[in-house]
PDB file of N, CA and C in Angstrom:
ATOM      1  N   MET A   1      85.494 119.821  96.661  1.00  0.00           N
ATOM      2  CA  MET A   1      86.112 120.780  97.546  1.00  0.00           C
ATOM      3  C   MET A   1      85.794 120.428  98.998  1.00  0.00           C
ATOM      4  N   ILE A   2      86.539 120.989  99.889  1.00  0.00           N
ATOM      5  CA  ILE A   2      86.367 120.715 101.308  1.00  0.00           C
ATOM      6  C   ILE A   2      84.996 121.196 101.753  1.00  0.00           C
ATOM      7  N   GLY A   3      84.265 120.341 102.473  1.00  0.00           N
ATOM      8  CA  GLY A   3      82.953 120.708 102.976  1.00  0.00           C
ATOM      9  C   GLY A   3      81.815 120.474 102.000  1.00  0.00           C
ATOM     10  N   THR A   4      82.127 120.025 100.791  1.00  0.00           N
ATOM     11  CA  THR A   4      81.095 119.775  99.786  1.00  0.00           C
ATOM     12  C   THR A   4      80.615 118.338  99.916  1.00  0.00           C
ATOM     13  N   PRO A   5      79.303 118.131 100.080  1.00  0.00           N
ATOM     14  CA  PRO A   5      78.817 116.752 100.171  1.00  0.00           C
ATOM     15  C   PRO A   5      78.965 116.042  98.834  1.00  0.00           C
ATOM     16  N   GLY A   6      79.209 114.763  98.897  1.00  0.00           N
ATOM     17  CA  GLY A   6      79.333 113.977  97.672  1.00  0.00           C
ATOM     18  C   GLY A   6      79.937 112.617  97.966  1.00  0.00           C
ATOM     19  N   ASP A   7      80.236 111.914  96.911  1.00  0.00           N
ATOM     20  CA  ASP A   7      80.803 110.580  96.993  1.00  0.00           C
ATOM     21  C   ASP A   7      82.327 110.704  97.035  1.00  0.00           C
ATOM     22  N   ILE A   8      82.942 110.252  98.103  1.00  0.00           N
ATOM     23  CA  ILE A   8      84.387 110.385  98.275  1.00  0.00           C
ATOM     24  C   ILE A   8      85.160 109.723  97.137  1.00  0.00           C
ATOM     25  N   ARG A   9      84.546 108.750  96.483  1.00  0.00           N
ATOM     26  CA  ARG A   9      85.233 108.053  95.398  1.00  0.00           C
ATOM     27  C   ARG A   9      85.308 108.873  94.127  1.00  0.00           C
ATOM     28  N   THR A  10      84.422 109.860  93.978  1.00  0.00           N
ATOM     29  CA  THR A  10      84.375 110.623  92.722  1.00  0.00           C
ATOM     30  C   THR A  10      84.424 112.131  92.913  1.00  0.00           C
ATOM     31  N   LEU A  11      84.272 112.602  94.122  1.00  0.00           N
ATOM     32  CA  LEU A  11      84.281 114.037  94.395  1.00  0.00           C
ATOM     33  C   LEU A  11      85.615 114.641  93.980  1.00  0.00           C
ATOM     34  N   PRO A  12      85.596 115.763  93.256  1.00  0.00           N
ATOM     35  CA  PRO A  12      86.874 116.393  92.893  1.00  0.00           C
ATOM     36  C   PRO A  12      87.673 116.746  94.144  1.00  0.00           C
ATOM     37  N   LEU A  13      88.959 116.478  94.072  1.00  0.00           N
ATOM     38  CA  LEU A  13      89.830 116.766  95.202  1.00  0.00           C
ATOM     39  C   LEU A  13      90.404 118.167  95.066  1.00  0.00           C
ATOM     40  N   PRO A  14      90.734 118.798  96.210  1.00  0.00           N
ATOM     41  CA  PRO A  14      91.312 120.144  96.157  1.00  0.00           C
ATOM     42  C   PRO A  14      92.705 120.089  95.532  1.00  0.00           C
ATOM     43  N   GLY A  15      93.282 121.251  95.325  1.00  0.00           N
ATOM     44  CA  GLY A  15      94.642 121.333  94.788  1.00  0.00           C
ATOM     45  C   GLY A  15      95.647 120.728  95.749  1.00  0.00           C
ATOM     46  N   ARG A  16      96.868 121.145  95.666  1.00  0.00           N
ATOM     47  CA  ARG A  16      97.944 120.607  96.488  1.00  0.00           C
ATOM     48  C   ARG A  16      97.726 120.918  97.975  1.00  0.00           C
ATOM     49  N   ILE A  17      97.852 119.885  98.817  1.00  0.00           N
ATOM     50  CA  ILE A  17      97.641 120.035 100.255  1.00  0.00           C
ATOM     51  C   ILE A  17      98.730 119.274 101.018  1.00  0.00           C
ATOM     52  N   ASP A  18      98.830 119.545 102.311  1.00  0.00           N
ATOM     53  CA  ASP A  18      99.869 118.924 103.136  1.00  0.00           C
ATOM     54  C   ASP A  18      99.424 117.643 103.832  1.00  0.00           C
ATOM     55  N   VAL A  19      98.138 117.545 104.163  1.00  0.00           N
ATOM     56  CA  VAL A  19      97.646 116.410 104.945  1.00  0.00           C
ATOM     57  C   VAL A  19      96.291 115.959 104.419  1.00  0.00           C
ATOM     58  N   VAL A  20      96.132 114.643 104.321  1.00  0.00           N
ATOM     59  CA  VAL A  20      94.832 114.035 104.019  1.00  0.00           C
ATOM     60  C   VAL A  20      94.525 113.075 105.166  1.00  0.00           C
ATOM     61  N   LEU A  21      93.296 113.129 105.675  1.00  0.00           N
ATOM     62  CA  LEU A  21      92.837 112.206 106.711  1.00  0.00           C
ATOM     63  C   LEU A  21      91.645 111.437 106.171  1.00  0.00           C
ATOM     64  N   LEU A  22      91.789 110.118 106.100  1.00  0.00           N
ATOM     65  CA  LEU A  22      90.670 109.239 105.763  1.00  0.00           C
ATOM     66  C   LEU A  22      90.275 108.547 107.061  1.00  0.00           C
ATOM     67  N   ALA A  23      89.221 109.020 107.684  1.00  0.00           N
ATOM     68  CA  ALA A  23      88.799 108.505 108.981  1.00  0.00           C
ATOM     69  C   ALA A  23      87.527 107.687 108.834  1.00  0.00           C
ATOM     70  N   ASN A  24      87.595 106.438 109.259  1.00  0.00           N
ATOM     71  CA  ASN A  24      86.454 105.514 109.209  1.00  0.00           C
ATOM     72  C   ASN A  24      85.869 105.429 107.811  1.00  0.00           C
ATOM     73  N   VAL A  25      86.746 105.262 106.837  1.00  0.00           N
ATOM     74  CA  VAL A  25      86.339 105.218 105.432  1.00  0.00           C
ATOM     75  C   VAL A  25      86.628 103.850 104.813  1.00  0.00           C
ATOM     76  N   ILE A  26      87.838 103.317 105.017  1.00  0.00           N
ATOM     77  CA  ILE A  26      88.263 102.144 104.250  1.00  0.00           C
ATOM     78  C   ILE A  26      87.420 100.903 104.523  1.00  0.00           C
ATOM     79  N   HIS A  27      86.849 100.798 105.709  1.00  0.00           N
ATOM     80  CA  HIS A  27      86.070  99.597 106.031  1.00  0.00           C
ATOM     81  C   HIS A  27      84.826  99.461 105.151  1.00  0.00           C
ATOM     82  N   GLY A  28      84.395 100.540 104.537  1.00  0.00           N
ATOM     83  CA  GLY A  28      83.166 100.499 103.739  1.00  0.00           C
ATOM     84  C   GLY A  28      83.370 100.200 102.264  1.00  0.00           C
ATOM     85  N   PHE A  29      84.637 100.083 101.830  1.00  0.00           N
ATOM     86  CA  PHE A  29      84.912  99.873 100.409  1.00  0.00           C
ATOM     87  C   PHE A  29      85.701  98.590 100.196  1.00  0.00           C
ATOM     88  N   ASP A  30      85.663  98.095  98.974  1.00  0.00           N
ATOM     89  CA  ASP A  30      86.429  96.898  98.648  1.00  0.00           C
ATOM     90  C   ASP A  30      87.896  97.258  98.416  1.00  0.00           C
ATOM     91  N   ASP A  31      88.708  96.259  98.276  1.00  0.00           N
ATOM     92  CA  ASP A  31      90.153  96.403  98.142  1.00  0.00           C
ATOM     93  C   ASP A  31      90.544  97.331  96.991  1.00  0.00           C
ATOM     94  N   GLU A  32      90.000  97.107  95.835  1.00  0.00           N
ATOM     95  CA  GLU A  32      90.343  97.913  94.654  1.00  0.00           C
ATOM     96  C   GLU A  32      89.922  99.374  94.821  1.00  0.00           C
ATOM     97  N   THR A  33      88.750  99.609  95.372  1.00  0.00           N
ATOM     98  CA  THR A  33      88.270 100.978  95.598  1.00  0.00           C
ATOM     99  C   THR A  33      89.183 101.702  96.572  1.00  0.00           C
ATOM    100  N   ASN A  34      89.592 101.020  97.643  1.00  0.00           N
ATOM    101  CA  ASN A  34      90.498 101.644  98.609  1.00  0.00           C
ATOM    102  C   ASN A  34      91.847 101.978  97.974  1.00  0.00           C
ATOM    103  N   ALA A  35      92.377 101.070  97.163  1.00  0.00           N
ATOM    104  CA  ALA A  35      93.658 101.333  96.495  1.00  0.00           C
ATOM    105  C   ALA A  35      93.549 102.571  95.603  1.00  0.00           C
ATOM    106  N   ARG A  36      92.457 102.687  94.853  1.00  0.00           N
ATOM    107  CA  ARG A  36      92.239 103.866  93.986  1.00  0.00           C
ATOM    108  C   ARG A  36      92.088 105.139  94.816  1.00  0.00           C
ATOM    109  N   LEU A  37      91.302 105.056  95.879  1.00  0.00           N
ATOM    110  CA  LEU A  37      91.064 106.218  96.740  1.00  0.00           C
ATOM    111  C   LEU A  37      92.378 106.716  97.347  1.00  0.00           C
ATOM    112  N   ILE A  38      93.204 105.815  97.801  1.00  0.00           N
ATOM    113  CA  ILE A  38      94.471 106.203  98.408  1.00  0.00           C
ATOM    114  C   ILE A  38      95.409 106.796  97.359  1.00  0.00           C
ATOM    115  N   ARG A  39      95.452 106.230  96.162  1.00  0.00           N
ATOM    116  CA  ARG A  39      96.279 106.818  95.091  1.00  0.00           C
ATOM    117  C   ARG A  39      95.810 108.233  94.763  1.00  0.00           C
ATOM    118  N   ARG A  40      94.485 108.422  94.674  1.00  0.00           N
ATOM    119  CA  ARG A  40      93.936 109.763  94.398  1.00  0.00           C
ATOM    120  C   ARG A  40      94.311 110.738  95.493  1.00  0.00           C
ATOM    121  N   ALA A  41      94.127 110.326  96.744  1.00  0.00           N
ATOM    122  CA  ALA A  41      94.435 111.211  97.869  1.00  0.00           C
ATOM    123  C   ALA A  41      95.924 111.550  97.887  1.00  0.00           C
ATOM    124  N   ALA A  42      96.780 110.563  97.668  1.00  0.00           N
ATOM    125  CA  ALA A  42      98.223 110.794  97.675  1.00  0.00           C
ATOM    126  C   ALA A  42      98.642 111.741  96.558  1.00  0.00           C
ATOM    127  N   SER A  43      97.930 111.708  95.443  1.00  0.00           N
ATOM    128  CA  SER A  43      98.299 112.564  94.309  1.00  0.00           C
ATOM    129  C   SER A  43      98.075 114.049  94.603  1.00  0.00           C
ATOM    130  N   THR A  44      97.312 114.365  95.644  1.00  0.00           N
ATOM    131  CA  THR A  44      97.063 115.770  95.993  1.00  0.00           C
ATOM    132  C   THR A  44      98.093 116.324  96.973  1.00  0.00           C
ATOM    133  N   LEU A  45      98.933 115.452  97.530  1.00  0.00           N
ATOM    134  CA  LEU A  45      99.857 115.873  98.585  1.00  0.00           C
ATOM    135  C   LEU A  45     101.027 116.679  98.047  1.00  0.00           C
ATOM    136  N   ASN A  46     101.365 117.731  98.773  1.00  0.00           N
ATOM    137  CA  ASN A  46     102.600 118.468  98.517  1.00  0.00           C
ATOM    138  C   ASN A  46     103.778 117.568  98.866  1.00  0.00           C
ATOM    139  N   PRO A  47     104.973 117.840  98.315  1.00  0.00           N
ATOM    140  CA  PRO A  47     106.154 117.076  98.740  1.00  0.00           C
ATOM    141  C   PRO A  47     106.290 117.139 100.264  1.00  0.00           C
ATOM    142  N   GLY A  48     106.514 115.985 100.874  1.00  0.00           N
ATOM    143  CA  GLY A  48     106.619 115.911 102.329  1.00  0.00           C
ATOM    144  C   GLY A  48     105.282 115.775 103.034  1.00  0.00           C
ATOM    145  N   GLY A  49     104.180 115.809 102.279  1.00  0.00           N
ATOM    146  CA  GLY A  49     102.853 115.673 102.880  1.00  0.00           C
ATOM    147  C   GLY A  49     102.587 114.256 103.360  1.00  0.00           C
ATOM    148  N   SER A  50     101.555 114.098 104.171  1.00  0.00           N
ATOM    149  CA  SER A  50     101.218 112.789 104.746  1.00  0.00           C
ATOM    150  C   SER A  50      99.750 112.453 104.568  1.00  0.00           C
ATOM    151  N   LEU A  51      99.497 111.175 104.387  1.00  0.00           N
ATOM    152  CA  LEU A  51      98.150 110.615 104.328  1.00  0.00           C
ATOM    153  C   LEU A  51      97.947 109.797 105.592  1.00  0.00           C
ATOM    154  N   TYR A  52      96.930 110.150 106.368  1.00  0.00           N
ATOM    155  CA  TYR A  52      96.586 109.427 107.593  1.00  0.00           C
ATOM    156  C   TYR A  52      95.318 108.618 107.350  1.00  0.00           C
ATOM    157  N   ILE A  53      95.329 107.381 107.849  1.00  0.00           N
ATOM    158  CA  ILE A  53      94.153 106.516 107.755  1.00  0.00           C
ATOM    159  C   ILE A  53      93.825 106.041 109.165  1.00  0.00           C
ATOM    160  N   LEU A  54      92.617 106.353 109.619  1.00  0.00           N
ATOM    161  CA  LEU A  54      92.132 105.958 110.939  1.00  0.00           C
ATOM    162  C   LEU A  54      90.947 105.030 110.729  1.00  0.00           C
ATOM    163  N   ASP A  55      91.049 103.824 111.242  1.00  0.00           N
ATOM    164  CA  ASP A  55      89.959 102.864 111.049  1.00  0.00           C
ATOM    165  C   ASP A  55      90.193 101.656 111.947  1.00  0.00           C
ATOM    166  N   GLN A  56      89.232 100.746 111.964  1.00  0.00           N
ATOM    167  CA  GLN A  56      89.396  99.450 112.610  1.00  0.00           C
ATOM    168  C   GLN A  56      90.330  98.624 111.734  1.00  0.00           C
ATOM    169  N   MET A  57      91.407  98.107 112.312  1.00  0.00           N
ATOM    170  CA  MET A  57      92.349  97.277 111.556  1.00  0.00           C
ATOM    171  C   MET A  57      92.814  96.121 112.414  1.00  0.00           C
ATOM    172  N   ARG A  58      93.209  95.071 111.733  1.00  0.00           N
ATOM    173  CA  ARG A  58      93.740  93.884 112.402  1.00  0.00           C
ATOM    174  C   ARG A  58      95.234  93.770 112.110  1.00  0.00           C
ATOM    175  N   GLY A  59      95.946  93.056 112.968  1.00  0.00           N
ATOM    176  CA  GLY A  59      97.320  92.677 112.677  1.00  0.00           C
ATOM    177  C   GLY A  59      98.361  93.754 112.881  1.00  0.00           C
ATOM    178  N   THR A  60      98.225  94.534 113.940  1.00  0.00           N
ATOM    179  CA  THR A  60      99.274  95.507 114.235  1.00  0.00           C
ATOM    180  C   THR A  60     100.448  94.782 114.872  1.00  0.00           C
ATOM    181  N   ARG A  61     101.593  95.443 114.899  1.00  0.00           N
ATOM    182  CA  ARG A  61     102.771  94.845 115.528  1.00  0.00           C
ATOM    183  C   ARG A  61     102.521  94.598 117.004  1.00  0.00           C
ATOM    184  N   ARG A  62     101.711  95.444 117.624  1.00  0.00           N
ATOM    185  CA  ARG A  62     101.418  95.299 119.048  1.00  0.00           C
ATOM    186  C   ARG A  62     100.046  94.656 119.266  1.00  0.00           C
ATOM    187  N   SER A  63      99.608  93.853 118.328  1.00  0.00           N
ATOM    188  CA  SER A  63      98.291  93.230 118.442  1.00  0.00           C
ATOM    189  C   SER A  63      98.194  92.391 119.710  1.00  0.00           C
ATOM    190  N   SER A  64      97.029  92.410 120.246  1.00  0.00           N
ATOM    191  CA  SER A  64      96.713  91.515 121.343  1.00  0.00           C
ATOM    192  C   SER A  64      95.457  90.763 120.936  1.00  0.00           C
ATOM    193  N   PHE A  65      95.138  89.767 121.694  1.00  0.00           N
ATOM    194  CA  PHE A  65      93.905  89.038 121.406  1.00  0.00           C
ATOM    195  C   PHE A  65      92.719  89.988 121.412  1.00  0.00           C
ATOM    196  N   LEU A  66      92.660  90.881 122.423  1.00  0.00           N
ATOM    197  CA  LEU A  66      91.527  91.798 122.554  1.00  0.00           C
ATOM    198  C   LEU A  66      91.424  92.732 121.349  1.00  0.00           C
ATOM    199  N   SER A  67      92.550  93.303 120.904  1.00  0.00           N
ATOM    200  CA  SER A  67      92.468  94.253 119.791  1.00  0.00           C
ATOM    201  C   SER A  67      92.073  93.553 118.501  1.00  0.00           C
ATOM    202  N   ASP A  68      92.669  92.385 118.212  1.00  0.00           N
ATOM    203  CA  ASP A  68      92.297  91.668 116.993  1.00  0.00           C
ATOM    204  C   ASP A  68      90.864  91.142 117.079  1.00  0.00           C
ATOM    205  N   PHE A  69      90.464  90.645 118.251  1.00  0.00           N
ATOM    206  CA  PHE A  69      89.097  90.165 118.422  1.00  0.00           C
ATOM    207  C   PHE A  69      88.085  91.297 118.222  1.00  0.00           C
ATOM    208  N   THR A  70      88.376  92.460 118.813  1.00  0.00           N
ATOM    209  CA  THR A  70      87.482  93.615 118.651  1.00  0.00           C
ATOM    210  C   THR A  70      87.377  94.017 117.189  1.00  0.00           C
ATOM    211  N   ALA A  71      88.517  94.081 116.492  1.00  0.00           N
ATOM    212  CA  ALA A  71      88.495  94.437 115.073  1.00  0.00           C
ATOM    213  C   ALA A  71      87.708  93.407 114.269  1.00  0.00           C
ATOM    214  N   LEU A  72      87.858  92.121 114.594  1.00  0.00           N
ATOM    215  CA  LEU A  72      87.108  91.089 113.880  1.00  0.00           C
ATOM    216  C   LEU A  72      85.608  91.196 114.136  1.00  0.00           C
ATOM    217  N   VAL A  73      85.227  91.463 115.381  1.00  0.00           N
ATOM    218  CA  VAL A  73      83.802  91.613 115.706  1.00  0.00           C
ATOM    219  C   VAL A  73      83.229  92.824 114.977  1.00  0.00           C
ATOM    220  N   VAL A  74      83.978  93.941 115.004  1.00  0.00           N
ATOM    221  CA  VAL A  74      83.520  95.126 114.276  1.00  0.00           C
ATOM    222  C   VAL A  74      83.458  94.811 112.786  1.00  0.00           C
ATOM    223  N   GLY A  75      84.458  94.105 112.277  1.00  0.00           N
ATOM    224  CA  GLY A  75      84.456  93.716 110.865  1.00  0.00           C
ATOM    225  C   GLY A  75      83.257  92.854 110.517  1.00  0.00           C
ATOM    226  N   LEU A  76      82.900  91.924 111.384  1.00  0.00           N
ATOM    227  CA  LEU A  76      81.724  91.090 111.155  1.00  0.00           C
ATOM    228  C   LEU A  76      80.463  91.945 111.106  1.00  0.00           C
ATOM    229  N   ASN A  77      80.359  92.907 112.009  1.00  0.00           N
ATOM    230  CA  ASN A  77      79.231  93.824 111.997  1.00  0.00           C
ATOM    231  C   ASN A  77      79.213  94.642 110.704  1.00  0.00           C
ATOM    232  N   LEU A  78      80.390  95.098 110.268  1.00  0.00           N
ATOM    233  CA  LEU A  78      80.467  95.872 109.032  1.00  0.00           C
ATOM    234  C   LEU A  78      80.017  95.052 107.831  1.00  0.00           C
ATOM    235  N   VAL A  79      80.418  93.783 107.793  1.00  0.00           N
ATOM    236  CA  VAL A  79      79.978  92.900 106.710  1.00  0.00           C
ATOM    237  C   VAL A  79      78.465  92.769 106.739  1.00  0.00           C
ATOM    238  N   ASN A  80      77.916  92.548 107.933  1.00  0.00           N
ATOM    239  CA  ASN A  80      76.480  92.357 108.089  1.00  0.00           C
ATOM    240  C   ASN A  80      75.689  93.618 107.757  1.00  0.00           C
ATOM    241  N   GLU A  81      76.149  94.773 108.239  1.00  0.00           N
ATOM    242  CA  GLU A  81      75.390  96.014 108.085  1.00  0.00           C
ATOM    243  C   GLU A  81      75.655  96.741 106.778  1.00  0.00           C
ATOM    244  N   ALA A  82      76.912  96.732 106.331  1.00  0.00           N
ATOM    245  CA  ALA A  82      77.247  97.595 105.196  1.00  0.00           C
ATOM    246  C   ALA A  82      78.075  96.905 104.122  1.00  0.00           C
ATOM    247  N   GLY A  83      78.295  95.622 104.242  1.00  0.00           N
ATOM    248  CA  GLY A  83      79.114  94.932 103.266  1.00  0.00           C
ATOM    249  C   GLY A  83      80.586  95.274 103.387  1.00  0.00           C
ATOM    250  N   GLY A  84      81.014  95.810 104.528  1.00  0.00           N
ATOM    251  CA  GLY A  84      82.400  96.224 104.719  1.00  0.00           C
ATOM    252  C   GLY A  84      83.210  95.202 105.482  1.00  0.00           C
ATOM    253  N   THR A  85      84.433  95.578 105.852  1.00  0.00           N
ATOM    254  CA  THR A  85      85.317  94.678 106.575  1.00  0.00           C
ATOM    255  C   THR A  85      86.348  95.465 107.372  1.00  0.00           C
ATOM    256  N   ALA A  86      87.018  94.801 108.296  1.00  0.00           N
ATOM    257  CA  ALA A  86      88.168  95.379 108.995  1.00  0.00           C
ATOM    258  C   ALA A  86      89.407  94.812 108.310  1.00  0.00           C
ATOM    259  N   TYR A  87      90.151  95.645 107.596  1.00  0.00           N
ATOM    260  CA  TYR A  87      91.328  95.212 106.862  1.00  0.00           C
ATOM    261  C   TYR A  87      92.516  95.059 107.794  1.00  0.00           C
ATOM    262  N   THR A  88      93.530  94.340 107.331  1.00  0.00           N
ATOM    263  CA  THR A  88      94.764  94.223 108.099  1.00  0.00           C
ATOM    264  C   THR A  88      95.646  95.441 107.831  1.00  0.00           C
ATOM    265  N   VAL A  89      96.529  95.709 108.766  1.00  0.00           N
ATOM    266  CA  VAL A  89      97.499  96.784 108.583  1.00  0.00           C
ATOM    267  C   VAL A  89      98.370  96.480 107.366  1.00  0.00           C
ATOM    268  N   GLY A  90      98.690  95.215 107.150  1.00  0.00           N
ATOM    269  CA  GLY A  90      99.483  94.828 105.981  1.00  0.00           C
ATOM    270  C   GLY A  90      98.805  95.197 104.676  1.00  0.00           C
ATOM    271  N   ARG A  91      97.491  95.037 104.624  1.00  0.00           N
ATOM    272  CA  ARG A  91      96.755  95.396 103.407  1.00  0.00           C
ATOM    273  C   ARG A  91      96.811  96.909 103.194  1.00  0.00           C
ATOM    274  N   VAL A  92      96.635  97.677 104.258  1.00  0.00           N
ATOM    275  CA  VAL A  92      96.709  99.137 104.163  1.00  0.00           C
ATOM    276  C   VAL A  92      98.109  99.543 103.704  1.00  0.00           C
ATOM    277  N   ARG A  93      99.125  98.905 104.244  1.00  0.00           N
ATOM    278  CA  ARG A  93     100.506  99.191 103.830  1.00  0.00           C
ATOM    279  C   ARG A  93     100.671  98.924 102.327  1.00  0.00           C
ATOM    280  N   ASN A  94     100.080  97.864 101.831  1.00  0.00           N
ATOM    281  CA  ASN A  94     100.157  97.566 100.389  1.00  0.00           C
ATOM    282  C   ASN A  94      99.514  98.672  99.559  1.00  0.00           C
ATOM    283  N   TRP A  95      98.377  99.198 100.018  1.00  0.00           N
ATOM    284  CA  TRP A  95      97.724 100.288  99.284  1.00  0.00           C
ATOM    285  C   TRP A  95      98.611 101.531  99.258  1.00  0.00           C
ATOM    286  N   CYS A  96      99.448 101.661 100.269  1.00  0.00           N
ATOM    287  CA  CYS A  96     100.326 102.838 100.403  1.00  0.00           C
ATOM    288  C   CYS A  96     101.742 102.537  99.907  1.00  0.00           C
ATOM    289  N   ALA A  97     101.868 101.637  98.965  1.00  0.00           N
ATOM    290  CA  ALA A  97     103.190 101.203  98.494  1.00  0.00           C
ATOM    291  C   ALA A  97     104.022 102.354  97.932  1.00  0.00           C
ATOM    292  N   GLY A  98     103.393 103.436  97.474  1.00  0.00           N
ATOM    293  CA  GLY A  98     104.126 104.577  96.947  1.00  0.00           C
ATOM    294  C   GLY A  98     104.710 105.481  98.012  1.00  0.00           C
ATOM    295  N   ALA A  99     104.479 105.164  99.274  1.00  0.00           N
ATOM    296  CA  ALA A  99     105.004 105.989 100.379  1.00  0.00           C
ATOM    297  C   ALA A  99     106.342 105.418 100.843  1.00  0.00           C
ATOM    298  N   ARG A 100     107.305 106.296 101.020  1.00  0.00           N
ATOM    299  CA  ARG A 100     108.608 105.857 101.526  1.00  0.00           C
ATOM    300  C   ARG A 100     108.584 105.688 103.040  1.00  0.00           C
ATOM    301  N   LYS A 101     107.610 106.309 103.687  1.00  0.00           N
ATOM    302  CA  LYS A 101     107.485 106.242 105.148  1.00  0.00           C
ATOM    303  C   LYS A 101     106.100 105.694 105.473  1.00  0.00           C
ATOM    304  N   PHE A 102     106.027 104.716 106.362  1.00  0.00           N
ATOM    305  CA  PHE A 102     104.744 104.161 106.791  1.00  0.00           C
ATOM    306  C   PHE A 102     104.858 103.829 108.272  1.00  0.00           C
ATOM    307  N   SER A 103     103.981 104.404 109.083  1.00  0.00           N
ATOM    308  CA  SER A 103     104.001 104.110 110.515  1.00  0.00           C
ATOM    309  C   SER A 103     102.604 103.758 110.994  1.00  0.00           C
ATOM    310  N   VAL A 104     102.565 103.036 112.103  1.00  0.00           N
ATOM    311  CA  VAL A 104     101.316 102.524 112.665  1.00  0.00           C
ATOM    312  C   VAL A 104     101.248 102.876 114.140  1.00  0.00           C
ATOM    313  N   ARG A 105     100.096 103.409 114.554  1.00  0.00           N
ATOM    314  CA  ARG A 105      99.857 103.690 115.968  1.00  0.00           C
ATOM    315  C   ARG A 105      98.556 103.014 116.373  1.00  0.00           C
ATOM    316  N   SER A 106      98.654 102.119 117.337  1.00  0.00           N
ATOM    317  CA  SER A 106      97.448 101.522 117.911  1.00  0.00           C
ATOM    318  C   SER A 106      96.905 102.497 118.937  1.00  0.00           C
ATOM    319  N   LEU A 107      95.632 102.799 118.854  1.00  0.00           N
ATOM    320  CA  LEU A 107      95.026 103.736 119.789  1.00  0.00           C
ATOM    321  C   LEU A 107      94.466 102.987 120.989  1.00  0.00           C
ATOM    322  N   LYS A 108      93.986 103.722 121.974  1.00  0.00           N
ATOM    323  CA  LYS A 108      93.534 103.098 123.229  1.00  0.00           C
ATOM    324  C   LYS A 108      92.335 102.184 123.035  1.00  0.00           C
ATOM    325  N   PHE A 109      91.441 102.525 122.120  1.00  0.00           N
ATOM    326  CA  PHE A 109      90.287 101.655 121.893  1.00  0.00           C
ATOM    327  C   PHE A 109      90.763 100.448 121.096  1.00  0.00           C
ATOM    328  N   PRO A 110      90.537  99.245 121.578  1.00  0.00           N
ATOM    329  CA  PRO A 110      91.052  98.050 120.904  1.00  0.00           C
ATOM    330  C   PRO A 110      90.617  97.975 119.439  1.00  0.00           C
ATOM    331  N   GLY A 111      91.590  97.713 118.576  1.00  0.00           N
ATOM    332  CA  GLY A 111      91.310  97.539 117.158  1.00  0.00           C
ATOM    333  C   GLY A 111      91.358  98.811 116.340  1.00  0.00           C
ATOM    334  N   VAL A 112      91.381  99.982 116.990  1.00  0.00           N
ATOM    335  CA  VAL A 112      91.427 101.246 116.249  1.00  0.00           C
ATOM    336  C   VAL A 112      92.891 101.609 116.017  1.00  0.00           C
ATOM    337  N   VAL A 113      93.204 101.883 114.758  1.00  0.00           N
ATOM    338  CA  VAL A 113      94.584 102.118 114.354  1.00  0.00           C
ATOM    339  C   VAL A 113      94.659 103.398 113.532  1.00  0.00           C
ATOM    340  N   LEU A 114      95.757 104.132 113.703  1.00  0.00           N
ATOM    341  CA  LEU A 114      96.066 105.294 112.881  1.00  0.00           C
ATOM    342  C   LEU A 114      97.352 104.997 112.137  1.00  0.00           C
ATOM    343  N   THR A 115      97.300 105.034 110.804  1.00  0.00           N
ATOM    344  CA  THR A 115      98.507 104.868 110.007  1.00  0.00           C
ATOM    345  C   THR A 115      98.876 106.208 109.393  1.00  0.00           C
ATOM    346  N   GLU A 116     100.168 106.397 109.176  1.00  0.00           N
ATOM    347  CA  GLU A 116     100.661 107.570 108.476  1.00  0.00           C
ATOM    348  C   GLU A 116     101.525 107.101 107.323  1.00  0.00           C
ATOM    349  N   ALA A 117     101.233 107.570 106.130  1.00  0.00           N
ATOM    350  CA  ALA A 117     102.033 107.280 104.947  1.00  0.00           C
ATOM    351  C   ALA A 117     102.526 108.616 104.395  1.00  0.00           C
ATOM    352  N   GLY A 118     103.827 108.745 104.290  1.00  0.00           N
ATOM    353  CA  GLY A 118     104.395 110.016 103.838  1.00  0.00           C
ATOM    354  C   GLY A 118     105.549 109.832 102.878  1.00  0.00           C
ATOM    355  N   ASN A 119     106.075 110.945 102.391  1.00  0.00           N
ATOM    356  CA  ASN A 119     107.188 110.953 101.434  1.00  0.00           C
ATOM    357  C   ASN A 119     106.865 110.082 100.213  1.00  0.00           C
ATOM    358  N   TRP A 120     105.768 110.412  99.574  1.00  0.00           N
ATOM    359  CA  TRP A 120     105.288 109.632  98.433  1.00  0.00           C
ATOM    360  C   TRP A 120     106.191 109.789  97.220  1.00  0.00           C
ATOM    361  N   VAL A 121     106.385 108.701  96.516  1.00  0.00           N
ATOM    362  CA  VAL A 121     107.119 108.724  95.251  1.00  0.00           C
ATOM    363  C   VAL A 121     106.177 109.289  94.204  1.00  0.00           C
ATOM    364  N   PRO A 122     106.604 110.316  93.447  1.00  0.00           N
ATOM    365  CA  PRO A 122     105.713 110.893  92.425  1.00  0.00           C
ATOM    366  C   PRO A 122     105.293 109.845  91.396  1.00  0.00           C
ATOM    367  N   GLY A 123     104.041 110.011  90.932  1.00  0.00           N
ATOM    368  CA  GLY A 123     103.535 109.135  89.876  1.00  0.00           C
ATOM    369  C   GLY A 123     102.669 108.125  90.358  1.00  0.00           C
TER     370      GLY A 123
END
């Protein structure tokens, strides 16, 4: 439930909701865990609901050397400190393959990206 401490990978999710925000989460998990987590989160969405992912990402459409370099440096730190990584936007899009809508917003801090995946196909 909301506000209950626990492991995001196994914590029971609330009933039907309109919005899920995964903020600074995906960098700490491997590819398969992220795919499962996103499928679980999407399964709780009401029709028309959206899943937002905010994290360090590489390879945005508006990438610059600075943003990709910053994401890579942060990713290197994540590997060193927590075994994590900075994933590409393309990889995040693949995890959200069940969404009919996918958008990307690069934020002011280099390498920080907000994605929105919505209009999920049931199942």
